[in-house]
Amino acid sequence: MNRQAQAVVLLLLGGAVIRASVTDLYLRYVKEGLRPFLIAAGLLLVVAAIMTLWHELRPAAPRALVPAGGAADGPGDAPGPGDAPGDSAAADHDEGHGHGHHEPRVGWLLILPVLGLLLVAPPALGSYAAGQAGTALSSQQQSDYPPLPEGDPVQVSVLDYASRALFDRGASIGDRRVLLTGFIASGAGGEPILARMVLSCCAADGRPIKLGLTGDVPAGLPDDSWVEVVGRYSDRLGRDPVNDAEIPYLEVESWRQVPVPRQQYD
């Protein structure tokens, strides 16, 4: 791969990053707050590619002409007795092309992430990822939560409810009705649970928040179906089979299936 090809790959990669950043596609990879940094990184890649192409494609500087008599400008320029006639021509040939070798062909593998961004749109982490990782909360942590805001039911995140249910055993929830949105996943015994993935930075560090469901449990829905549930705090606790952490429960009063939200991570 020569430098021109490298620049083209760099240009495609930068363009793919910018394209993902100006649409909602980037939300499948990173948190929403990282969008400005992605746009800046994409622009830098595009600028670097354009500068590389300009440097490689610009006209070569004119070479100094040798006088008609073939005399050298100085004693250091005269060919030595051991120089072969073809050596000077070979050197000129290499100088005219900038180099006499190519970079390893493995460099073409850089085009794979470009194709991945341009042609493939993988889904956000869902029930499979939730089943492979333990819940991200541990009841050994301590926290002091303020009362829930006004509203009936009050809309809270899966993370917020699970934290309140574990860390202060529902004291900050009381008898309030809460509304949560998440996707259906399979629990330890095959029963449906409510889950949501949380990110620290990007999808590579995504961890699930899991809620057991009791009462009017959503039935007949496949994994990764998104639902909106209304319920109340339940003091029931379960165990995550992956890391043996406690999983809080929600007493479901009603539920309905909803479309996949724009922001799928908590």
C-alpha atoms as a PDB file:
ATOM      1  CA  MET A   1       0.000   0.000   0.000  1.00  0.00           C
ATOM      2  CA  ASN A   2       1.581   3.294  -1.091  1.00  0.00           C
ATOM      3  CA  ARG A   3       0.936   6.629   0.543  1.00  0.00           C
ATOM      4  CA  GLN A   4      -1.800   7.590  -1.885  1.00  0.00           C
ATOM      5  CA  ALA A   5      -3.747   4.441  -1.020  1.00  0.00           C
ATOM      6  CA  GLN A   6      -3.150   5.103   2.676  1.00  0.00           C
ATOM      7  CA  ALA A   7      -4.559   8.580   2.287  1.00  0.00           C
ATOM      8  CA  VAL A   8      -7.666   7.268   0.512  1.00  0.00           C
ATOM      9  CA  VAL A   9      -8.302   4.746   3.317  1.00  0.00           C
ATOM     10  CA  LEU A  10      -7.783   7.505   5.883  1.00  0.00           C
ATOM     11  CA  LEU A  11     -10.214   9.731   3.998  1.00  0.00           C
ATOM     12  CA  LEU A  12     -12.852   6.979   3.917  1.00  0.00           C
ATOM     13  CA  LEU A  13     -12.383   6.266   7.621  1.00  0.00           C
ATOM     14  CA  GLY A  14     -12.734   9.931   8.547  1.00  0.00           C
ATOM     15  CA  GLY A  15     -15.816  10.266   6.355  1.00  0.00           C
ATOM     16  CA  ALA A  16     -17.379   7.178   7.944  1.00  0.00           C
ATOM     17  CA  VAL A  17     -16.774   8.552  11.450  1.00  0.00           C
ATOM     18  CA  ILE A  18     -18.336  11.893  10.504  1.00  0.00           C
ATOM     19  CA  ARG A  19     -21.317  10.160   8.878  1.00  0.00           C
ATOM     20  CA  ALA A  20     -21.948   8.085  12.001  1.00  0.00           C
ATOM     21  CA  SER A  21     -21.547  11.141  14.226  1.00  0.00           C
ATOM     22  CA  VAL A  22     -24.058  13.373  12.441  1.00  0.00           C
ATOM     23  CA  THR A  23     -26.697  10.604  12.556  1.00  0.00           C
ATOM     24  CA  ASP A  24     -27.883   8.477  15.474  1.00  0.00           C
ATOM     25  CA  LEU A  25     -25.647   5.598  14.385  1.00  0.00           C
ATOM     26  CA  TYR A  26     -22.907   6.640  16.804  1.00  0.00           C
ATOM     27  CA  LEU A  27     -25.254   5.953  19.741  1.00  0.00           C
ATOM     28  CA  ARG A  28     -24.748   2.231  19.112  1.00  0.00           C
ATOM     29  CA  TYR A  29     -21.064   2.583  19.916  1.00  0.00           C
ATOM     30  CA  VAL A  30     -20.556   5.380  22.466  1.00  0.00           C
ATOM     31  CA  LYS A  31     -22.426   7.614  24.888  1.00  0.00           C
ATOM     32  CA  GLU A  32     -24.316  10.627  23.564  1.00  0.00           C
ATOM     33  CA  GLY A  33     -21.954  13.160  25.141  1.00  0.00           C
ATOM     34  CA  LEU A  34     -19.015  11.964  23.026  1.00  0.00           C
ATOM     35  CA  ARG A  35     -20.500  13.206  19.737  1.00  0.00           C
ATOM     36  CA  PRO A  36     -18.385  16.433  19.549  1.00  0.00           C
ATOM     37  CA  PHE A  37     -15.186  14.446  20.042  1.00  0.00           C
ATOM     38  CA  LEU A  38     -16.146  11.989  17.302  1.00  0.00           C
ATOM     39  CA  ILE A  39     -16.862  14.817  14.856  1.00  0.00           C
ATOM     40  CA  ALA A  40     -13.529  16.465  15.707  1.00  0.00           C
ATOM     41  CA  ALA A  41     -11.664  13.167  15.256  1.00  0.00           C
ATOM     42  CA  GLY A  42     -13.360  12.550  11.899  1.00  0.00           C
ATOM     43  CA  LEU A  43     -12.472  16.035  10.669  1.00  0.00           C
ATOM     44  CA  LEU A  44      -8.836  15.565  11.701  1.00  0.00           C
ATOM     45  CA  LEU A  45      -8.666  12.287   9.765  1.00  0.00           C
ATOM     46  CA  VAL A  46     -10.132  13.936   6.661  1.00  0.00           C
ATOM     47  CA  VAL A  47      -7.711  16.882   6.888  1.00  0.00           C
ATOM     48  CA  ALA A  48      -4.741  14.523   7.342  1.00  0.00           C
ATOM     49  CA  ALA A  49      -5.837  12.501   4.298  1.00  0.00           C
ATOM     50  CA  ILE A  50      -6.253  15.603   2.121  1.00  0.00           C
ATOM     51  CA  MET A  51      -2.836  16.951   3.137  1.00  0.00           C
ATOM     52  CA  THR A  52      -1.223  13.585   2.368  1.00  0.00           C
ATOM     53  CA  LEU A  53      -2.839  13.434  -1.067  1.00  0.00           C
ATOM     54  CA  TRP A  54      -1.796  17.016  -1.817  1.00  0.00           C
ATOM     55  CA  HIS A  55       1.784  16.245  -0.821  1.00  0.00           C
ATOM     56  CA  GLU A  56       1.914  13.093  -2.966  1.00  0.00           C
ATOM     57  CA  LEU A  57       0.193  14.508  -6.059  1.00  0.00           C
ATOM     58  CA  ARG A  58       1.768  17.943  -6.239  1.00  0.00           C
ATOM     59  CA  PRO A  59       4.119  18.504  -9.231  1.00  0.00           C
ATOM     60  CA  ALA A  60       7.737  17.608  -8.587  1.00  0.00           C
ATOM     61  CA  ALA A  61      10.227  20.483  -8.312  1.00  0.00           C
ATOM     62  CA  PRO A  62      12.259  21.003 -11.559  1.00  0.00           C
ATOM     63  CA  ARG A  63      15.756  19.509 -11.468  1.00  0.00           C
ATOM     64  CA  ALA A  64      18.856  21.583 -12.230  1.00  0.00           C
ATOM     65  CA  LEU A  65      20.099  21.131 -15.824  1.00  0.00           C
ATOM     66  CA  VAL A  66      23.647  19.859 -16.426  1.00  0.00           C
ATOM     67  CA  PRO A  67      25.729  22.092 -18.780  1.00  0.00           C
ATOM     68  CA  ALA A  68      26.151  20.897 -22.369  1.00  0.00           C
ATOM     69  CA  GLY A  69      29.741  19.899 -21.768  1.00  0.00           C
ATOM     70  CA  GLY A  70      28.681  17.587 -18.932  1.00  0.00           C
ATOM     71  CA  ALA A  71      31.030  19.339 -16.492  1.00  0.00           C
ATOM     72  CA  ALA A  72      30.152  18.958 -12.841  1.00  0.00           C
ATOM     73  CA  ASP A  73      29.610  22.004 -10.610  1.00  0.00           C
ATOM     74  CA  GLY A  74      32.308  20.935  -8.257  1.00  0.00           C
ATOM     75  CA  PRO A  75      34.890  18.279  -7.619  1.00  0.00           C
ATOM     76  CA  GLY A  76      32.539  16.431  -5.299  1.00  0.00           C
ATOM     77  CA  ASP A  77      29.996  15.970  -8.082  1.00  0.00           C
ATOM     78  CA  ALA A  78      32.258  14.115 -10.502  1.00  0.00           C
ATOM     79  CA  PRO A  79      31.588  10.383 -10.770  1.00  0.00           C
ATOM     80  CA  GLY A  80      34.168   8.212  -9.109  1.00  0.00           C
ATOM     81  CA  PRO A  81      36.196   5.620 -10.910  1.00  0.00           C
ATOM     82  CA  GLY A  82      34.187   2.814  -9.295  1.00  0.00           C
ATOM     83  CA  ASP A  83      30.789   4.191 -10.249  1.00  0.00           C
ATOM     84  CA  ALA A  84      28.974   2.217 -12.877  1.00  0.00           C
ATOM     85  CA  PRO A  85      27.174   4.138 -15.576  1.00  0.00           C
ATOM     86  CA  GLY A  86      23.809   2.688 -14.548  1.00  0.00           C
ATOM     87  CA  ASP A  87      24.147   3.652 -10.884  1.00  0.00           C
ATOM     88  CA  SER A  88      23.370   7.317 -11.489  1.00  0.00           C
ATOM     89  CA  ALA A  89      20.339   6.473 -13.614  1.00  0.00           C
ATOM     90  CA  ALA A  90      19.036   4.068 -10.980  1.00  0.00           C
ATOM     91  CA  ALA A  91      19.467   6.667  -8.256  1.00  0.00           C
ATOM     92  CA  ASP A  92      17.643   9.251 -10.350  1.00  0.00           C
ATOM     93  CA  HIS A  93      14.832   6.768 -10.929  1.00  0.00           C
ATOM     94  CA  ASP A  94      14.416   6.125  -7.196  1.00  0.00           C
ATOM     95  CA  GLU A  95      14.547   9.837  -6.344  1.00  0.00           C
ATOM     96  CA  GLY A  96      11.908  10.620  -8.921  1.00  0.00           C
ATOM     97  CA  HIS A  97       9.496   8.176  -7.288  1.00  0.00           C
ATOM     98  CA  GLY A  98      10.285   9.160  -3.727  1.00  0.00           C
ATOM     99  CA  HIS A  99      11.164   5.625  -2.586  1.00  0.00           C
ATOM    100  CA  GLY A 100      12.103   2.259  -3.946  1.00  0.00           C
ATOM    101  CA  HIS A 101       9.816  -0.009  -1.869  1.00  0.00           C
ATOM    102  CA  HIS A 102       6.184  -0.355  -0.764  1.00  0.00           C
ATOM    103  CA  GLU A 103       4.633  -0.663   2.689  1.00  0.00           C
ATOM    104  CA  PRO A 104       3.370  -4.105   3.829  1.00  0.00           C
ATOM    105  CA  ARG A 105       0.129  -5.247   2.249  1.00  0.00           C
ATOM    106  CA  VAL A 106      -1.329  -5.838   5.712  1.00  0.00           C
ATOM    107  CA  GLY A 107      -2.100  -2.122   5.697  1.00  0.00           C
ATOM    108  CA  TRP A 108      -5.112  -2.886   3.514  1.00  0.00           C
ATOM    109  CA  LEU A 109      -6.766  -4.388   6.604  1.00  0.00           C
ATOM    110  CA  LEU A 110      -7.377  -0.807   7.723  1.00  0.00           C
ATOM    111  CA  ILE A 111     -10.222  -0.680   5.232  1.00  0.00           C
ATOM    112  CA  LEU A 112     -12.213  -3.261   7.239  1.00  0.00           C
ATOM    113  CA  PRO A 113     -13.413  -0.819   9.943  1.00  0.00           C
ATOM    114  CA  VAL A 114     -14.326   1.593   7.149  1.00  0.00           C
ATOM    115  CA  LEU A 115     -16.521  -1.021   5.511  1.00  0.00           C
ATOM    116  CA  GLY A 116     -17.959  -1.882   8.904  1.00  0.00           C
ATOM    117  CA  LEU A 117     -19.049   1.702   9.505  1.00  0.00           C
ATOM    118  CA  LEU A 118     -20.306   2.297   5.972  1.00  0.00           C
ATOM    119  CA  LEU A 119     -21.992  -1.010   5.143  1.00  0.00           C
ATOM    120  CA  VAL A 120     -22.820  -2.708   8.449  1.00  0.00           C
ATOM    121  CA  ALA A 121     -24.982  -1.238  11.209  1.00  0.00           C
ATOM    122  CA  PRO A 122     -24.778  -3.634  14.173  1.00  0.00           C
ATOM    123  CA  PRO A 123     -27.577  -3.368  16.735  1.00  0.00           C
ATOM    124  CA  ALA A 124     -27.016  -1.950  20.178  1.00  0.00           C
ATOM    125  CA  LEU A 125     -26.141  -4.347  22.988  1.00  0.00           C
ATOM    126  CA  GLY A 126     -29.216  -6.304  24.014  1.00  0.00           C
ATOM    127  CA  SER A 127     -30.430  -9.465  25.702  1.00  0.00           C
ATOM    128  CA  TYR A 128     -27.485 -11.622  24.579  1.00  0.00           C
ATOM    129  CA  ALA A 129     -24.961  -9.220  26.122  1.00  0.00           C
ATOM    130  CA  ALA A 130     -27.114  -8.977  29.256  1.00  0.00           C
ATOM    131  CA  GLY A 131     -27.129 -12.755  29.596  1.00  0.00           C
ATOM    132  CA  GLN A 132     -23.351 -12.993  29.306  1.00  0.00           C
ATOM    133  CA  ALA A 133     -22.519 -10.387  31.978  1.00  0.00           C
ATOM    134  CA  GLY A 134     -23.499  -9.978  35.584  1.00  0.00           C
ATOM    135  CA  THR A 135     -25.599  -7.071  36.768  1.00  0.00           C
ATOM    136  CA  ALA A 136     -23.587  -3.900  37.244  1.00  0.00           C
ATOM    137  CA  LEU A 137     -25.016  -3.079  40.694  1.00  0.00           C
ATOM    138  CA  SER A 138     -23.915  -4.443  44.039  1.00  0.00           C
ATOM    139  CA  SER A 139     -25.891  -4.054  47.260  1.00  0.00           C
ATOM    140  CA  GLN A 140     -22.616  -3.504  49.154  1.00  0.00           C
ATOM    141  CA  GLN A 141     -22.497   0.050  47.848  1.00  0.00           C
ATOM    142  CA  GLN A 142     -23.998   2.877  49.891  1.00  0.00           C
ATOM    143  CA  SER A 143     -26.037   5.801  48.641  1.00  0.00           C
ATOM    144  CA  ASP A 144     -28.518   8.411  49.849  1.00  0.00           C
ATOM    145  CA  TYR A 145     -31.209   9.210  47.284  1.00  0.00           C
ATOM    146  CA  PRO A 146     -33.544  12.204  47.331  1.00  0.00           C
ATOM    147  CA  PRO A 147     -37.315  11.675  47.047  1.00  0.00           C
ATOM    148  CA  LEU A 148     -38.698  10.929  43.611  1.00  0.00           C
ATOM    149  CA  PRO A 149     -39.946  13.891  41.555  1.00  0.00           C
ATOM    150  CA  GLU A 150     -43.630  14.670  41.142  1.00  0.00           C
ATOM    151  CA  GLY A 151     -45.823  12.612  38.830  1.00  0.00           C
ATOM    152  CA  ASP A 152     -47.978   9.506  38.876  1.00  0.00           C
ATOM    153  CA  PRO A 153     -46.489   7.342  37.655  1.00  0.00           C
ATOM    154  CA  VAL A 154     -43.090   8.985  37.889  1.00  0.00           C
ATOM    155  CA  GLN A 155     -40.724   8.163  35.036  1.00  0.00           C
ATOM    156  CA  VAL A 156     -37.381   6.771  36.219  1.00  0.00           C
ATOM    157  CA  SER A 157     -34.596   4.879  34.523  1.00  0.00           C
ATOM    158  CA  VAL A 158     -33.956   1.198  35.116  1.00  0.00           C
ATOM    159  CA  LEU A 159     -30.635   2.163  36.696  1.00  0.00           C
ATOM    160  CA  ASP A 160     -32.275   4.683  39.049  1.00  0.00           C
ATOM    161  CA  TYR A 161     -34.954   2.246  40.214  1.00  0.00           C
ATOM    162  CA  ALA A 162     -32.495  -0.627  40.679  1.00  0.00           C
ATOM    163  CA  SER A 163     -30.119   1.605  42.647  1.00  0.00           C
ATOM    164  CA  ARG A 164     -32.866   2.841  44.966  1.00  0.00           C
ATOM    165  CA  ALA A 165     -34.279  -0.663  45.395  1.00  0.00           C
ATOM    166  CA  LEU A 166     -30.882  -2.092  46.382  1.00  0.00           C
ATOM    167  CA  PHE A 167     -29.025   0.673  48.143  1.00  0.00           C
ATOM    168  CA  ASP A 168     -31.763   1.957  50.456  1.00  0.00           C
ATOM    169  CA  ARG A 169     -34.221  -0.942  50.093  1.00  0.00           C
ATOM    170  CA  GLY A 170     -36.827   1.220  48.409  1.00  0.00           C
ATOM    171  CA  ALA A 171     -37.055   3.859  51.165  1.00  0.00           C
ATOM    172  CA  SER A 172     -36.819   6.689  48.617  1.00  0.00           C
ATOM    173  CA  ILE A 173     -39.492   5.019  46.442  1.00  0.00           C
ATOM    174  CA  GLY A 174     -42.087   4.249  49.081  1.00  0.00           C
ATOM    175  CA  ASP A 175     -45.483   3.393  47.642  1.00  0.00           C
ATOM    176  CA  ARG A 176     -45.030   5.554  44.545  1.00  0.00           C
ATOM    177  CA  ARG A 177     -45.844   4.170  41.115  1.00  0.00           C
ATOM    178  CA  VAL A 178     -42.904   4.227  38.703  1.00  0.00           C
ATOM    179  CA  LEU A 179     -42.670   3.982  34.906  1.00  0.00           C
ATOM    180  CA  LEU A 180     -39.633   2.249  33.402  1.00  0.00           C
ATOM    181  CA  THR A 181     -38.574   1.443  29.845  1.00  0.00           C
ATOM    182  CA  GLY A 182     -36.263  -1.427  28.958  1.00  0.00           C
ATOM    183  CA  PHE A 183     -35.915  -4.572  26.890  1.00  0.00           C
ATOM    184  CA  ILE A 184     -36.983  -8.094  27.732  1.00  0.00           C
ATOM    185  CA  ALA A 185     -34.292 -10.677  28.478  1.00  0.00           C
ATOM    186  CA  SER A 186     -34.396 -14.204  29.855  1.00  0.00           C
ATOM    187  CA  GLY A 187     -33.698 -14.737  33.533  1.00  0.00           C
ATOM    188  CA  ALA A 188     -32.054 -17.687  35.270  1.00  0.00           C
ATOM    189  CA  GLY A 189     -35.116 -19.924  34.987  1.00  0.00           C
ATOM    190  CA  GLY A 190     -36.207 -18.640  31.592  1.00  0.00           C
ATOM    191  CA  GLU A 191     -38.615 -16.110  33.094  1.00  0.00           C
ATOM    192  CA  PRO A 192     -38.677 -12.627  31.497  1.00  0.00           C
ATOM    193  CA  ILE A 193     -36.713  -9.864  33.183  1.00  0.00           C
ATOM    194  CA  LEU A 194     -36.399  -6.172  32.378  1.00  0.00           C
ATOM    195  CA  ALA A 195     -32.904  -4.986  31.436  1.00  0.00           C
ATOM    196  CA  ARG A 196     -31.049  -1.927  30.194  1.00  0.00           C
ATOM    197  CA  MET A 197     -27.394  -1.564  29.243  1.00  0.00           C
ATOM    198  CA  VAL A 198     -25.279   1.156  30.857  1.00  0.00           C
ATOM    199  CA  LEU A 199     -22.052   2.552  29.429  1.00  0.00           C
ATOM    200  CA  SER A 200     -19.082   4.155  31.116  1.00  0.00           C
ATOM    201  CA  CYS A 201     -17.641   5.252  27.779  1.00  0.00           C
ATOM    202  CA  CYS A 202     -18.496   3.004  24.831  1.00  0.00           C
ATOM    203  CA  ALA A 203     -20.196  -0.277  23.949  1.00  0.00           C
ATOM    204  CA  ALA A 204     -17.012  -2.199  24.788  1.00  0.00           C
ATOM    205  CA  ASP A 205     -17.568  -1.547  28.517  1.00  0.00           C
ATOM    206  CA  GLY A 206     -21.363  -1.966  28.466  1.00  0.00           C
ATOM    207  CA  ARG A 207     -22.875  -3.672  31.525  1.00  0.00           C
ATOM    208  CA  PRO A 208     -26.498  -4.714  32.093  1.00  0.00           C
ATOM    209  CA  ILE A 209     -28.866  -3.525  34.789  1.00  0.00           C
ATOM    210  CA  LYS A 210     -31.372  -6.304  35.468  1.00  0.00           C
ATOM    211  CA  LEU A 211     -34.774  -6.212  37.154  1.00  0.00           C
ATOM    212  CA  GLY A 212     -36.857  -9.199  38.100  1.00  0.00           C
ATOM    213  CA  LEU A 213     -40.560  -8.857  37.384  1.00  0.00           C
ATOM    214  CA  THR A 214     -43.537 -10.003  39.431  1.00  0.00           C
ATOM    215  CA  GLY A 215     -47.249  -9.342  39.143  1.00  0.00           C
ATOM    216  CA  ASP A 216     -48.512  -8.634  35.616  1.00  0.00           C
ATOM    217  CA  VAL A 217     -45.322  -9.908  33.961  1.00  0.00           C
ATOM    218  CA  PRO A 218     -45.015  -9.282  30.183  1.00  0.00           C
ATOM    219  CA  ALA A 219     -45.666 -12.606  28.496  1.00  0.00           C
ATOM    220  CA  GLY A 220     -45.303 -13.906  24.968  1.00  0.00           C
ATOM    221  CA  LEU A 221     -42.626 -11.428  23.948  1.00  0.00           C
ATOM    222  CA  PRO A 222     -39.285 -12.488  22.440  1.00  0.00           C
ATOM    223  CA  ASP A 223     -35.985 -11.283  23.866  1.00  0.00           C
ATOM    224  CA  ASP A 224     -34.976  -7.732  22.911  1.00  0.00           C
ATOM    225  CA  SER A 225     -38.607  -6.564  22.783  1.00  0.00           C
ATOM    226  CA  TRP A 226     -38.856  -3.075  24.281  1.00  0.00           C
ATOM    227  CA  VAL A 227     -41.594  -2.510  26.839  1.00  0.00           C
ATOM    228  CA  GLU A 228     -42.835   0.250  29.094  1.00  0.00           C
ATOM    229  CA  VAL A 229     -43.917  -1.019  32.513  1.00  0.00           C
ATOM    230  CA  VAL A 230     -45.751   0.684  35.373  1.00  0.00           C
ATOM    231  CA  GLY A 231     -45.346  -0.761  38.836  1.00  0.00           C
ATOM    232  CA  ARG A 232     -44.346  -0.351  42.456  1.00  0.00           C
ATOM    233  CA  TYR A 233     -41.383  -1.278  44.604  1.00  0.00           C
ATOM    234  CA  SER A 234     -41.077  -4.922  45.585  1.00  0.00           C
ATOM    235  CA  ASP A 235     -38.867  -6.108  48.434  1.00  0.00           C
ATOM    236  CA  ARG A 236     -38.223  -9.370  46.631  1.00  0.00           C
ATOM    237  CA  LEU A 237     -34.624 -10.040  45.639  1.00  0.00           C
ATOM    238  CA  GLY A 238     -33.074 -12.540  43.266  1.00  0.00           C
ATOM    239  CA  ARG A 239     -29.569 -13.651  42.381  1.00  0.00           C
ATOM    240  CA  ASP A 240     -27.758 -13.110  39.101  1.00  0.00           C
ATOM    241  CA  PRO A 241     -26.476 -16.510  37.887  1.00  0.00           C
ATOM    242  CA  VAL A 242     -23.487 -14.844  36.214  1.00  0.00           C
ATOM    243  CA  ASN A 243     -21.902 -13.010  39.172  1.00  0.00           C
ATOM    244  CA  ASP A 244     -24.251 -13.936  42.074  1.00  0.00           C
ATOM    245  CA  ALA A 245     -25.125 -10.271  42.678  1.00  0.00           C
ATOM    246  CA  GLU A 246     -28.558  -9.309  44.013  1.00  0.00           C
ATOM    247  CA  ILE A 247     -31.251  -8.410  41.477  1.00  0.00           C
ATOM    248  CA  PRO A 248     -34.150  -6.243  42.682  1.00  0.00           C
ATOM    249  CA  TYR A 249     -37.733  -6.865  41.599  1.00  0.00           C
ATOM    250  CA  LEU A 250     -40.548  -4.666  40.382  1.00  0.00           C
ATOM    251  CA  GLU A 251     -44.241  -5.339  41.070  1.00  0.00           C
ATOM    252  CA  VAL A 252     -45.726  -4.768  37.615  1.00  0.00           C
ATOM    253  CA  GLU A 253     -49.233  -3.304  37.424  1.00  0.00           C
ATOM    254  CA  SER A 254     -49.392  -2.755  33.655  1.00  0.00           C
ATOM    255  CA  TRP A 255     -47.159  -2.860  30.607  1.00  0.00           C
ATOM    256  CA  ARG A 256     -47.156  -2.169  26.887  1.00  0.00           C
ATOM    257  CA  GLN A 257     -44.761  -2.855  24.038  1.00  0.00           C
ATOM    258  CA  VAL A 258     -43.027   0.231  22.626  1.00  0.00           C
ATOM    259  CA  PRO A 259     -40.721   0.942  19.660  1.00  0.00           C
ATOM    260  CA  VAL A 260     -36.967   0.800  20.120  1.00  0.00           C
ATOM    261  CA  PRO A 261     -35.944   4.161  21.640  1.00  0.00           C
ATOM    262  CA  ARG A 262     -33.425   6.468  20.010  1.00  0.00           C
ATOM    263  CA  GLN A 263     -31.121   6.243  23.035  1.00  0.00           C
ATOM    264  CA  GLN A 264     -30.923   2.566  23.978  1.00  0.00           C
ATOM    265  CA  TYR A 265     -28.329   2.921  26.750  1.00  0.00           C
ATOM    266  CA  ASP A 266     -28.806   4.306  30.248  1.00  0.00           C
END
